[in-house]
Amino acid sequence: MSHEVHHFSMGGWLFALAYITSAVGCYAGLSCARKAANAWTSVARTRWTLMAALSIGGVGIWLMHFIGMMGFDVPGSTIRYDLGLTLLSVALAVAATLFGLRILDTDVQWIRALPSDIRLLIGGVIMGFAVAGMHYSGMAAVRIQGELEQGRSYVAASVAIGVVASIVALWLSRVAKRPAVRIPAAAVMGCAVVALHYTGMAGIAVTIDQSAPNPEGMTIMTLLFPGFIIGVALLAVPVVALMASASNQDLEEERDVATWLGGDGPETASRPHGRHVKR
């Protein structure tokens, strides 16, 4: 017989915090993805893409998942988390996002030969399965006094949501060129990530065994304390990089205008900013 499970034991504010965390991470990631698409050097493109993957995968997806797990409670049982599987889940989230972004803008010739829509679908499907894998590897890390099972129909639904959300996320990373567009885009992505999480959680069935020993592992707070610190750092790096990039672009524009007024002609002023050498 299935035991009672609570998903919002700490109140509805936790749901709001999880959503805001996801949306903010996705916004930072979309901004970095836009910079990567405009980069002229492979080094710059790789750096921006990596920051986008860390922001979306590490903060927008993984940190959101464990903030949501703060509200997960099974009356009558202690809950602990396996550290190894938890680390695997964050690696899956970041790697999946990185793969999805890279397949859209790669130097591998046979992949570049594919139509952009096909690359979008391939990247979205693989990324979606990996993101769902992040969720369920995170759930596999849960230790209780008894057994925890996932309903197959809910698993299928959450995977479908993950695939659709990943395709939409990759598409938005290409078309959300202006900040005014990236804000609603990040809001939509945050909704999709939260929907995947709580769809999967809705399919949980728990059977308690009071004779079983107390589970070993880490508490959710022990995981989240360093998780919050790392999450803030993951957001701080791209935010500072984006601000510095904007400042550098303004300086280059002023220098180009000054050069043009000095008599070198409009050709100099019209050069792409910060893209003089392709490496």
C-alpha atoms as a PDB file:
ATOM      1  CA  MET A   1       0.000   0.000   0.000  1.00  0.00           C
ATOM      2  CA  SER A   2       1.348   3.411  -1.011  1.00  0.00           C
ATOM      3  CA  HIS A   3       2.309   5.722   1.840  1.00  0.00           C
ATOM      4  CA  GLU A   4       1.424   9.389   2.102  1.00  0.00           C
ATOM      5  CA  VAL A   5       3.846  11.786   0.373  1.00  0.00           C
ATOM      6  CA  HIS A   6       4.074  15.574   0.717  1.00  0.00           C
ATOM      7  CA  HIS A   7       5.583  17.741  -2.043  1.00  0.00           C
ATOM      8  CA  PHE A   8       5.022  21.178  -0.477  1.00  0.00           C
ATOM      9  CA  SER A   9       5.714  20.465   3.181  1.00  0.00           C
ATOM     10  CA  MET A  10       7.470  23.830   3.591  1.00  0.00           C
ATOM     11  CA  GLY A  11       4.757  25.867   1.889  1.00  0.00           C
ATOM     12  CA  GLY A  12       3.999  27.303  -1.533  1.00  0.00           C
ATOM     13  CA  TRP A  13       6.811  29.864  -1.298  1.00  0.00           C
ATOM     14  CA  LEU A  14       9.253  27.052  -2.093  1.00  0.00           C
ATOM     15  CA  PHE A  15       7.510  26.469  -5.426  1.00  0.00           C
ATOM     16  CA  ALA A  16       7.884  30.177  -6.231  1.00  0.00           C
ATOM     17  CA  LEU A  17      11.574  30.123  -5.238  1.00  0.00           C
ATOM     18  CA  ALA A  18      12.206  27.068  -7.417  1.00  0.00           C
ATOM     19  CA  TYR A  19      10.551  28.739 -10.408  1.00  0.00           C
ATOM     20  CA  ILE A  20      12.375  32.055  -9.954  1.00  0.00           C
ATOM     21  CA  THR A  21      15.705  30.224  -9.632  1.00  0.00           C
ATOM     22  CA  SER A  22      15.027  28.332 -12.855  1.00  0.00           C
ATOM     23  CA  ALA A  23      13.935  31.437 -14.777  1.00  0.00           C
ATOM     24  CA  VAL A  24      16.938  33.500 -13.629  1.00  0.00           C
ATOM     25  CA  GLY A  25      19.363  30.710 -14.531  1.00  0.00           C
ATOM     26  CA  CYS A  26      17.731  30.312 -17.936  1.00  0.00           C
ATOM     27  CA  TYR A  27      17.867  34.064 -18.597  1.00  0.00           C
ATOM     28  CA  ALA A  28      21.593  34.205 -17.840  1.00  0.00           C
ATOM     29  CA  GLY A  29      22.102  31.131 -20.012  1.00  0.00           C
ATOM     30  CA  LEU A  30      20.162  32.593 -22.945  1.00  0.00           C
ATOM     31  CA  SER A  31      22.222  35.784 -22.731  1.00  0.00           C
ATOM     32  CA  CYS A  32      25.461  33.768 -22.804  1.00  0.00           C
ATOM     33  CA  ALA A  33      24.168  31.637 -25.695  1.00  0.00           C
ATOM     34  CA  ARG A  34      23.487  34.824 -27.653  1.00  0.00           C
ATOM     35  CA  LYS A  35      27.067  35.959 -27.035  1.00  0.00           C
ATOM     36  CA  ALA A  36      28.345  32.552 -28.154  1.00  0.00           C
ATOM     37  CA  ALA A  37      26.375  32.792 -31.393  1.00  0.00           C
ATOM     38  CA  ASN A  38      27.946  36.188 -32.124  1.00  0.00           C
ATOM     39  CA  ALA A  39      31.512  35.227 -31.149  1.00  0.00           C
ATOM     40  CA  TRP A  40      34.083  35.167 -33.943  1.00  0.00           C
ATOM     41  CA  THR A  41      36.757  33.088 -32.246  1.00  0.00           C
ATOM     42  CA  SER A  42      36.371  29.466 -31.242  1.00  0.00           C
ATOM     43  CA  VAL A  43      37.824  30.202 -27.800  1.00  0.00           C
ATOM     44  CA  ALA A  44      35.266  32.930 -27.085  1.00  0.00           C
ATOM     45  CA  ARG A  45      32.443  30.790 -28.454  1.00  0.00           C
ATOM     46  CA  THR A  46      33.442  27.866 -26.234  1.00  0.00           C
ATOM     47  CA  ARG A  47      33.667  30.061 -23.128  1.00  0.00           C
ATOM     48  CA  TRP A  48      30.255  31.643 -23.666  1.00  0.00           C
ATOM     49  CA  THR A  49      28.678  28.271 -24.453  1.00  0.00           C
ATOM     50  CA  LEU A  50      30.143  26.722 -21.300  1.00  0.00           C
ATOM     51  CA  MET A  51      28.803  29.600 -19.192  1.00  0.00           C
ATOM     52  CA  ALA A  52      25.396  29.149 -20.839  1.00  0.00           C
ATOM     53  CA  ALA A  53      25.411  25.420 -20.016  1.00  0.00           C
ATOM     54  CA  LEU A  54      26.404  26.054 -16.398  1.00  0.00           C
ATOM     55  CA  SER A  55      23.710  28.722 -16.002  1.00  0.00           C
ATOM     56  CA  ILE A  56      20.886  26.723 -17.597  1.00  0.00           C
ATOM     57  CA  GLY A  57      21.936  23.215 -16.571  1.00  0.00           C
ATOM     58  CA  GLY A  58      23.528  23.944 -13.205  1.00  0.00           C
ATOM     59  CA  VAL A  59      21.202  26.666 -11.916  1.00  0.00           C
ATOM     60  CA  GLY A  60      18.072  26.654 -14.083  1.00  0.00           C
ATOM     61  CA  ILE A  61      17.635  22.868 -13.965  1.00  0.00           C
ATOM     62  CA  TRP A  62      19.671  21.176 -11.213  1.00  0.00           C
ATOM     63  CA  LEU A  63      19.461  23.791  -8.456  1.00  0.00           C
ATOM     64  CA  MET A  64      15.745  24.223  -9.168  1.00  0.00           C
ATOM     65  CA  HIS A  65      15.290  20.451  -8.730  1.00  0.00           C
ATOM     66  CA  PHE A  66      16.860  20.362  -5.283  1.00  0.00           C
ATOM     67  CA  ILE A  67      15.113  23.510  -4.128  1.00  0.00           C
ATOM     68  CA  GLY A  68      11.879  21.727  -5.030  1.00  0.00           C
ATOM     69  CA  MET A  69      13.081  18.654  -3.136  1.00  0.00           C
ATOM     70  CA  MET A  70      13.232  20.719   0.059  1.00  0.00           C
ATOM     71  CA  GLY A  71       9.444  20.391   0.154  1.00  0.00           C
ATOM     72  CA  PHE A  72       9.514  16.595  -0.327  1.00  0.00           C
ATOM     73  CA  ASP A  73       8.523  14.792   2.853  1.00  0.00           C
ATOM     74  CA  VAL A  74       7.524  11.229   3.713  1.00  0.00           C
ATOM     75  CA  PRO A  75       5.835  11.122   7.144  1.00  0.00           C
ATOM     76  CA  GLY A  76       7.276   8.329   9.248  1.00  0.00           C
ATOM     77  CA  SER A  77      10.590   8.121   7.410  1.00  0.00           C
ATOM     78  CA  THR A  78      13.931   9.894   7.450  1.00  0.00           C
ATOM     79  CA  ILE A  79      15.077  11.137   4.025  1.00  0.00           C
ATOM     80  CA  ARG A  80      18.729  11.111   2.976  1.00  0.00           C
ATOM     81  CA  TYR A  81      20.566  11.592  -0.329  1.00  0.00           C
ATOM     82  CA  ASP A  82      23.396   9.636  -1.920  1.00  0.00           C
ATOM     83  CA  LEU A  83      26.243  12.036  -2.757  1.00  0.00           C
ATOM     84  CA  GLY A  84      27.554  10.119  -5.785  1.00  0.00           C
ATOM     85  CA  LEU A  85      24.203  10.014  -7.583  1.00  0.00           C
ATOM     86  CA  THR A  86      23.576  13.648  -6.689  1.00  0.00           C
ATOM     87  CA  LEU A  87      26.860  14.688  -8.324  1.00  0.00           C
ATOM     88  CA  LEU A  88      25.974  12.529 -11.331  1.00  0.00           C
ATOM     89  CA  SER A  89      22.685  14.396 -11.677  1.00  0.00           C
ATOM     90  CA  VAL A  90      24.349  17.821 -11.855  1.00  0.00           C
ATOM     91  CA  ALA A  91      26.910  16.513 -14.354  1.00  0.00           C
ATOM     92  CA  LEU A  92      24.078  15.206 -16.545  1.00  0.00           C
ATOM     93  CA  ALA A  93      22.234  18.529 -16.436  1.00  0.00           C
ATOM     94  CA  VAL A  94      25.266  20.594 -17.451  1.00  0.00           C
ATOM     95  CA  ALA A  95      26.553  18.096 -20.038  1.00  0.00           C
ATOM     96  CA  ALA A  96      23.114  17.767 -21.651  1.00  0.00           C
ATOM     97  CA  THR A  97      22.723  21.525 -21.985  1.00  0.00           C
ATOM     98  CA  LEU A  98      26.265  21.900 -23.310  1.00  0.00           C
ATOM     99  CA  PHE A  99      25.694  19.197 -25.919  1.00  0.00           C
ATOM    100  CA  GLY A 100      22.424  20.730 -27.056  1.00  0.00           C
ATOM    101  CA  LEU A 101      23.974  24.174 -27.477  1.00  0.00           C
ATOM    102  CA  ARG A 102      27.097  22.878 -29.215  1.00  0.00           C
ATOM    103  CA  ILE A 103      25.258  20.782 -31.771  1.00  0.00           C
ATOM    104  CA  LEU A 104      23.629  23.977 -33.050  1.00  0.00           C
ATOM    105  CA  ASP A 105      26.962  25.719 -33.515  1.00  0.00           C
ATOM    106  CA  THR A 106      29.668  23.124 -34.076  1.00  0.00           C
ATOM    107  CA  ASP A 107      32.779  22.915 -36.238  1.00  0.00           C
ATOM    108  CA  VAL A 108      32.193  19.228 -37.083  1.00  0.00           C
ATOM    109  CA  GLN A 109      31.527  19.247 -40.811  1.00  0.00           C
ATOM    110  CA  TRP A 110      29.053  16.365 -41.080  1.00  0.00           C
ATOM    111  CA  ILE A 111      26.907  17.896 -38.354  1.00  0.00           C
ATOM    112  CA  ARG A 112      27.069  21.363 -39.924  1.00  0.00           C
ATOM    113  CA  ALA A 113      25.934  19.792 -43.200  1.00  0.00           C
ATOM    114  CA  LEU A 114      22.604  18.874 -41.589  1.00  0.00           C
ATOM    115  CA  PRO A 115      19.718  21.368 -41.869  1.00  0.00           C
ATOM    116  CA  SER A 116      19.471  23.614 -38.817  1.00  0.00           C
ATOM    117  CA  ASP A 117      15.985  22.294 -37.974  1.00  0.00           C
ATOM    118  CA  ILE A 118      17.290  18.709 -37.937  1.00  0.00           C
ATOM    119  CA  ARG A 119      20.171  19.707 -35.663  1.00  0.00           C
ATOM    120  CA  LEU A 120      17.666  21.454 -33.413  1.00  0.00           C
ATOM    121  CA  LEU A 121      15.541  18.303 -33.157  1.00  0.00           C
ATOM    122  CA  ILE A 122      18.528  16.007 -32.556  1.00  0.00           C
ATOM    123  CA  GLY A 123      19.969  18.282 -29.901  1.00  0.00           C
ATOM    124  CA  GLY A 124      16.572  18.780 -28.256  1.00  0.00           C
ATOM    125  CA  VAL A 125      15.743  15.064 -28.095  1.00  0.00           C
ATOM    126  CA  ILE A 126      19.107  14.059 -26.637  1.00  0.00           C
ATOM    127  CA  MET A 127      19.118  17.024 -24.264  1.00  0.00           C
ATOM    128  CA  GLY A 128      15.541  16.265 -23.169  1.00  0.00           C
ATOM    129  CA  PHE A 129      16.324  12.635 -22.341  1.00  0.00           C
ATOM    130  CA  ALA A 130      19.453  13.699 -20.467  1.00  0.00           C
ATOM    131  CA  VAL A 131      17.595  16.364 -18.469  1.00  0.00           C
ATOM    132  CA  ALA A 132      14.954  13.783 -17.543  1.00  0.00           C
ATOM    133  CA  GLY A 133      17.847  11.480 -16.649  1.00  0.00           C
ATOM    134  CA  MET A 134      19.119  14.228 -14.343  1.00  0.00           C
ATOM    135  CA  HIS A 135      15.771  14.311 -12.562  1.00  0.00           C
ATOM    136  CA  TYR A 136      15.553  10.554 -12.119  1.00  0.00           C
ATOM    137  CA  SER A 137      19.199  10.126 -11.129  1.00  0.00           C
ATOM    138  CA  GLY A 138      18.492  12.798  -8.523  1.00  0.00           C
ATOM    139  CA  MET A 139      15.459  10.804  -7.400  1.00  0.00           C
ATOM    140  CA  ALA A 140      17.539   7.609  -7.366  1.00  0.00           C
ATOM    141  CA  ALA A 141      19.755   9.381  -4.837  1.00  0.00           C
ATOM    142  CA  VAL A 142      16.820   9.563  -2.387  1.00  0.00           C
ATOM    143  CA  ARG A 143      17.106   7.151   0.534  1.00  0.00           C
ATOM    144  CA  ILE A 144      14.096   6.357   2.770  1.00  0.00           C
ATOM    145  CA  GLN A 145      13.010   3.626   5.201  1.00  0.00           C
ATOM    146  CA  GLY A 146      11.332   1.550   2.526  1.00  0.00           C
ATOM    147  CA  GLU A 147      10.923   1.668  -1.246  1.00  0.00           C
ATOM    148  CA  LEU A 148      10.319   4.557  -3.630  1.00  0.00           C
ATOM    149  CA  GLU A 149       8.842   3.802  -7.062  1.00  0.00           C
ATOM    150  CA  GLN A 150       8.108   5.940 -10.123  1.00  0.00           C
ATOM    151  CA  GLY A 151       4.878   5.560 -12.104  1.00  0.00           C
ATOM    152  CA  ARG A 152       5.691   4.699 -15.720  1.00  0.00           C
ATOM    153  CA  SER A 153       3.072   6.990 -17.219  1.00  0.00           C
ATOM    154  CA  TYR A 154       4.438   9.921 -15.220  1.00  0.00           C
ATOM    155  CA  VAL A 155       7.978   9.055 -16.286  1.00  0.00           C
ATOM    156  CA  ALA A 156       6.896   9.043 -19.940  1.00  0.00           C
ATOM    157  CA  ALA A 157       5.061  12.346 -19.508  1.00  0.00           C
ATOM    158  CA  SER A 158       8.036  14.004 -17.816  1.00  0.00           C
ATOM    159  CA  VAL A 159      10.424  12.783 -20.539  1.00  0.00           C
ATOM    160  CA  ALA A 160       8.072  14.182 -23.199  1.00  0.00           C
ATOM    161  CA  ILE A 161       7.983  17.507 -21.363  1.00  0.00           C
ATOM    162  CA  GLY A 162      11.783  17.437 -21.137  1.00  0.00           C
ATOM    163  CA  VAL A 163      12.189  16.853 -24.876  1.00  0.00           C
ATOM    164  CA  VAL A 164       9.714  19.574 -25.860  1.00  0.00           C
ATOM    165  CA  ALA A 165      11.210  21.982 -23.316  1.00  0.00           C
ATOM    166  CA  SER A 166      14.735  21.284 -24.593  1.00  0.00           C
ATOM    167  CA  ILE A 167      13.752  21.882 -28.212  1.00  0.00           C
ATOM    168  CA  VAL A 168      12.051  25.138 -27.236  1.00  0.00           C
ATOM    169  CA  ALA A 169      15.061  26.156 -25.117  1.00  0.00           C
ATOM    170  CA  LEU A 170      17.508  25.549 -27.969  1.00  0.00           C
ATOM    171  CA  TRP A 171      15.260  27.404 -30.399  1.00  0.00           C
ATOM    172  CA  LEU A 172      14.944  30.338 -28.011  1.00  0.00           C
ATOM    173  CA  SER A 173      18.730  30.407 -27.583  1.00  0.00           C
ATOM    174  CA  ARG A 174      18.942  31.235 -31.294  1.00  0.00           C
ATOM    175  CA  VAL A 175      16.065  33.682 -31.704  1.00  0.00           C
ATOM    176  CA  ALA A 176      16.029  35.554 -28.378  1.00  0.00           C
ATOM    177  CA  LYS A 177      18.387  38.294 -29.548  1.00  0.00           C
ATOM    178  CA  ARG A 178      17.114  41.205 -27.454  1.00  0.00           C
ATOM    179  CA  PRO A 179      16.822  41.339 -23.643  1.00  0.00           C
ATOM    180  CA  ALA A 180      13.127  42.201 -23.976  1.00  0.00           C
ATOM    181  CA  VAL A 181      12.618  38.873 -25.771  1.00  0.00           C
ATOM    182  CA  ARG A 182      14.864  36.858 -23.456  1.00  0.00           C
ATOM    183  CA  ILE A 183      12.801  37.723 -20.367  1.00  0.00           C
ATOM    184  CA  PRO A 184       9.581  35.989 -21.528  1.00  0.00           C
ATOM    185  CA  ALA A 185      11.705  33.251 -23.115  1.00  0.00           C
ATOM    186  CA  ALA A 186      13.361  32.535 -19.762  1.00  0.00           C
ATOM    187  CA  ALA A 187       9.943  32.616 -18.073  1.00  0.00           C
ATOM    188  CA  VAL A 188       8.676  29.953 -20.495  1.00  0.00           C
ATOM    189  CA  MET A 189      11.779  27.807 -19.979  1.00  0.00           C
ATOM    190  CA  GLY A 190      11.383  28.080 -16.204  1.00  0.00           C
ATOM    191  CA  CYS A 191       7.779  26.886 -16.488  1.00  0.00           C
ATOM    192  CA  ALA A 192       8.877  23.886 -18.551  1.00  0.00           C
ATOM    193  CA  VAL A 193      11.616  22.860 -16.106  1.00  0.00           C
ATOM    194  CA  VAL A 194       9.266  23.147 -13.127  1.00  0.00           C
ATOM    195  CA  ALA A 195       6.585  21.200 -15.030  1.00  0.00           C
ATOM    196  CA  LEU A 196       9.030  18.348 -15.714  1.00  0.00           C
ATOM    197  CA  HIS A 197      10.042  18.205 -12.051  1.00  0.00           C
ATOM    198  CA  TYR A 198       6.565  18.149 -10.545  1.00  0.00           C
ATOM    199  CA  THR A 199       5.165  15.816 -13.202  1.00  0.00           C
ATOM    200  CA  GLY A 200       7.819  13.288 -12.242  1.00  0.00           C
ATOM    201  CA  MET A 201       7.191  13.896  -8.539  1.00  0.00           C
ATOM    202  CA  ALA A 202       3.445  13.335  -8.967  1.00  0.00           C
ATOM    203  CA  GLY A 203       4.149   9.740 -10.023  1.00  0.00           C
ATOM    204  CA  ILE A 204       6.020   8.779  -6.850  1.00  0.00           C
ATOM    205  CA  ALA A 205       4.707   5.882  -4.764  1.00  0.00           C
ATOM    206  CA  VAL A 206       6.308   5.126  -1.391  1.00  0.00           C
ATOM    207  CA  THR A 207       6.125   1.977   0.728  1.00  0.00           C
ATOM    208  CA  ILE A 208       7.402   2.380   4.284  1.00  0.00           C
ATOM    209  CA  ASP A 209       9.150  -0.441   6.151  1.00  0.00           C
ATOM    210  CA  GLN A 210       9.459   0.511   9.813  1.00  0.00           C
ATOM    211  CA  SER A 211      11.774  -2.450  10.433  1.00  0.00           C
ATOM    212  CA  ALA A 212      14.296  -1.103   7.924  1.00  0.00           C
ATOM    213  CA  PRO A 213      17.334   0.754   9.317  1.00  0.00           C
ATOM    214  CA  ASN A 214      17.549   4.515   9.076  1.00  0.00           C
ATOM    215  CA  PRO A 215      18.918   5.484   5.650  1.00  0.00           C
ATOM    216  CA  GLU A 216      22.475   6.752   5.336  1.00  0.00           C
ATOM    217  CA  GLY A 217      23.541   9.769   3.331  1.00  0.00           C
ATOM    218  CA  MET A 218      23.301  13.543   3.337  1.00  0.00           C
ATOM    219  CA  THR A 219      20.366  15.706   4.346  1.00  0.00           C
ATOM    220  CA  ILE A 220      18.810  18.045   1.791  1.00  0.00           C
ATOM    221  CA  MET A 221      20.108  21.079   3.704  1.00  0.00           C
ATOM    222  CA  THR A 222      23.640  19.671   3.710  1.00  0.00           C
ATOM    223  CA  LEU A 223      23.414  19.405  -0.072  1.00  0.00           C
ATOM    224  CA  LEU A 224      21.754  22.745  -0.677  1.00  0.00           C
ATOM    225  CA  PHE A 225      24.102  24.918   1.398  1.00  0.00           C
ATOM    226  CA  PRO A 226      27.095  24.371  -0.910  1.00  0.00           C
ATOM    227  CA  GLY A 227      24.626  24.137  -3.802  1.00  0.00           C
ATOM    228  CA  PHE A 228      23.412  27.683  -3.173  1.00  0.00           C
ATOM    229  CA  ILE A 229      26.970  28.982  -2.898  1.00  0.00           C
ATOM    230  CA  ILE A 230      27.989  27.269  -6.133  1.00  0.00           C
ATOM    231  CA  GLY A 231      24.774  28.427  -7.805  1.00  0.00           C
ATOM    232  CA  VAL A 232      25.436  32.063  -6.886  1.00  0.00           C
ATOM    233  CA  ALA A 233      28.988  31.701  -8.208  1.00  0.00           C
ATOM    234  CA  LEU A 234      27.735  30.107 -11.431  1.00  0.00           C
ATOM    235  CA  LEU A 235      25.409  33.078 -11.947  1.00  0.00           C
ATOM    236  CA  ALA A 236      27.955  35.695 -10.877  1.00  0.00           C
ATOM    237  CA  VAL A 237      30.550  34.640 -13.461  1.00  0.00           C
ATOM    238  CA  PRO A 238      28.324  35.026 -16.563  1.00  0.00           C
ATOM    239  CA  VAL A 239      26.667  38.180 -15.187  1.00  0.00           C
ATOM    240  CA  VAL A 240      30.057  39.857 -14.662  1.00  0.00           C
ATOM    241  CA  ALA A 241      31.228  38.599 -18.067  1.00  0.00           C
ATOM    242  CA  LEU A 242      28.090  39.972 -19.733  1.00  0.00           C
ATOM    243  CA  MET A 243      28.525  43.352 -18.041  1.00  0.00           C
ATOM    244  CA  ALA A 244      32.202  43.494 -19.004  1.00  0.00           C
ATOM    245  CA  SER A 245      31.357  42.496 -22.569  1.00  0.00           C
ATOM    246  CA  ALA A 246      28.791  45.286 -22.832  1.00  0.00           C
ATOM    247  CA  SER A 247      31.293  47.827 -21.463  1.00  0.00           C
ATOM    248  CA  ASN A 248      33.999  46.686 -23.884  1.00  0.00           C
ATOM    249  CA  GLN A 249      31.581  46.949 -26.789  1.00  0.00           C
ATOM    250  CA  ASP A 250      30.675  50.519 -25.814  1.00  0.00           C
ATOM    251  CA  LEU A 251      34.368  51.466 -25.632  1.00  0.00           C
ATOM    252  CA  GLU A 252      35.058  49.943 -29.042  1.00  0.00           C
ATOM    253  CA  GLU A 253      32.106  51.771 -30.553  1.00  0.00           C
ATOM    254  CA  GLU A 254      33.385  55.079 -29.144  1.00  0.00           C
ATOM    255  CA  ARG A 255      36.892  54.345 -30.455  1.00  0.00           C
ATOM    256  CA  ASP A 256      35.569  53.480 -33.908  1.00  0.00           C
ATOM    257  CA  VAL A 257      33.518  56.678 -34.055  1.00  0.00           C
ATOM    258  CA  ALA A 258      36.551  58.704 -32.979  1.00  0.00           C
ATOM    259  CA  THR A 259      38.658  56.994 -35.651  1.00  0.00           C
ATOM    260  CA  TRP A 260      36.044  57.701 -38.315  1.00  0.00           C
ATOM    261  CA  LEU A 261      35.835  61.370 -37.295  1.00  0.00           C
ATOM    262  CA  GLY A 262      39.609  61.460 -37.456  1.00  0.00           C
ATOM    263  CA  GLY A 263      39.488  60.728 -41.169  1.00  0.00           C
ATOM    264  CA  ASP A 264      39.994  56.987 -41.611  1.00  0.00           C
ATOM    265  CA  GLY A 265      36.559  56.668 -43.205  1.00  0.00           C
ATOM    266  CA  PRO A 266      33.366  54.843 -42.358  1.00  0.00           C
ATOM    267  CA  GLU A 267      34.837  51.473 -43.343  1.00  0.00           C
ATOM    268  CA  THR A 268      36.779  51.394 -40.088  1.00  0.00           C
ATOM    269  CA  ALA A 269      33.777  52.345 -38.016  1.00  0.00           C
ATOM    270  CA  SER A 270      31.650  49.640 -39.587  1.00  0.00           C
ATOM    271  CA  ARG A 271      33.936  46.753 -38.660  1.00  0.00           C
ATOM    272  CA  PRO A 272      32.403  44.122 -36.367  1.00  0.00           C
ATOM    273  CA  HIS A 273      33.262  45.048 -32.808  1.00  0.00           C
ATOM    274  CA  GLY A 274      35.726  42.754 -31.132  1.00  0.00           C
ATOM    275  CA  ARG A 275      35.917  40.388 -34.127  1.00  0.00           C
ATOM    276  CA  HIS A 276      38.979  41.531 -36.015  1.00  0.00           C
ATOM    277  CA  VAL A 277      40.771  38.178 -35.937  1.00  0.00           C
ATOM    278  CA  LYS A 278      39.249  34.751 -36.365  1.00  0.00           C
ATOM    279  CA  ARG A 279      41.277  32.072 -34.655  1.00  0.00           C
END
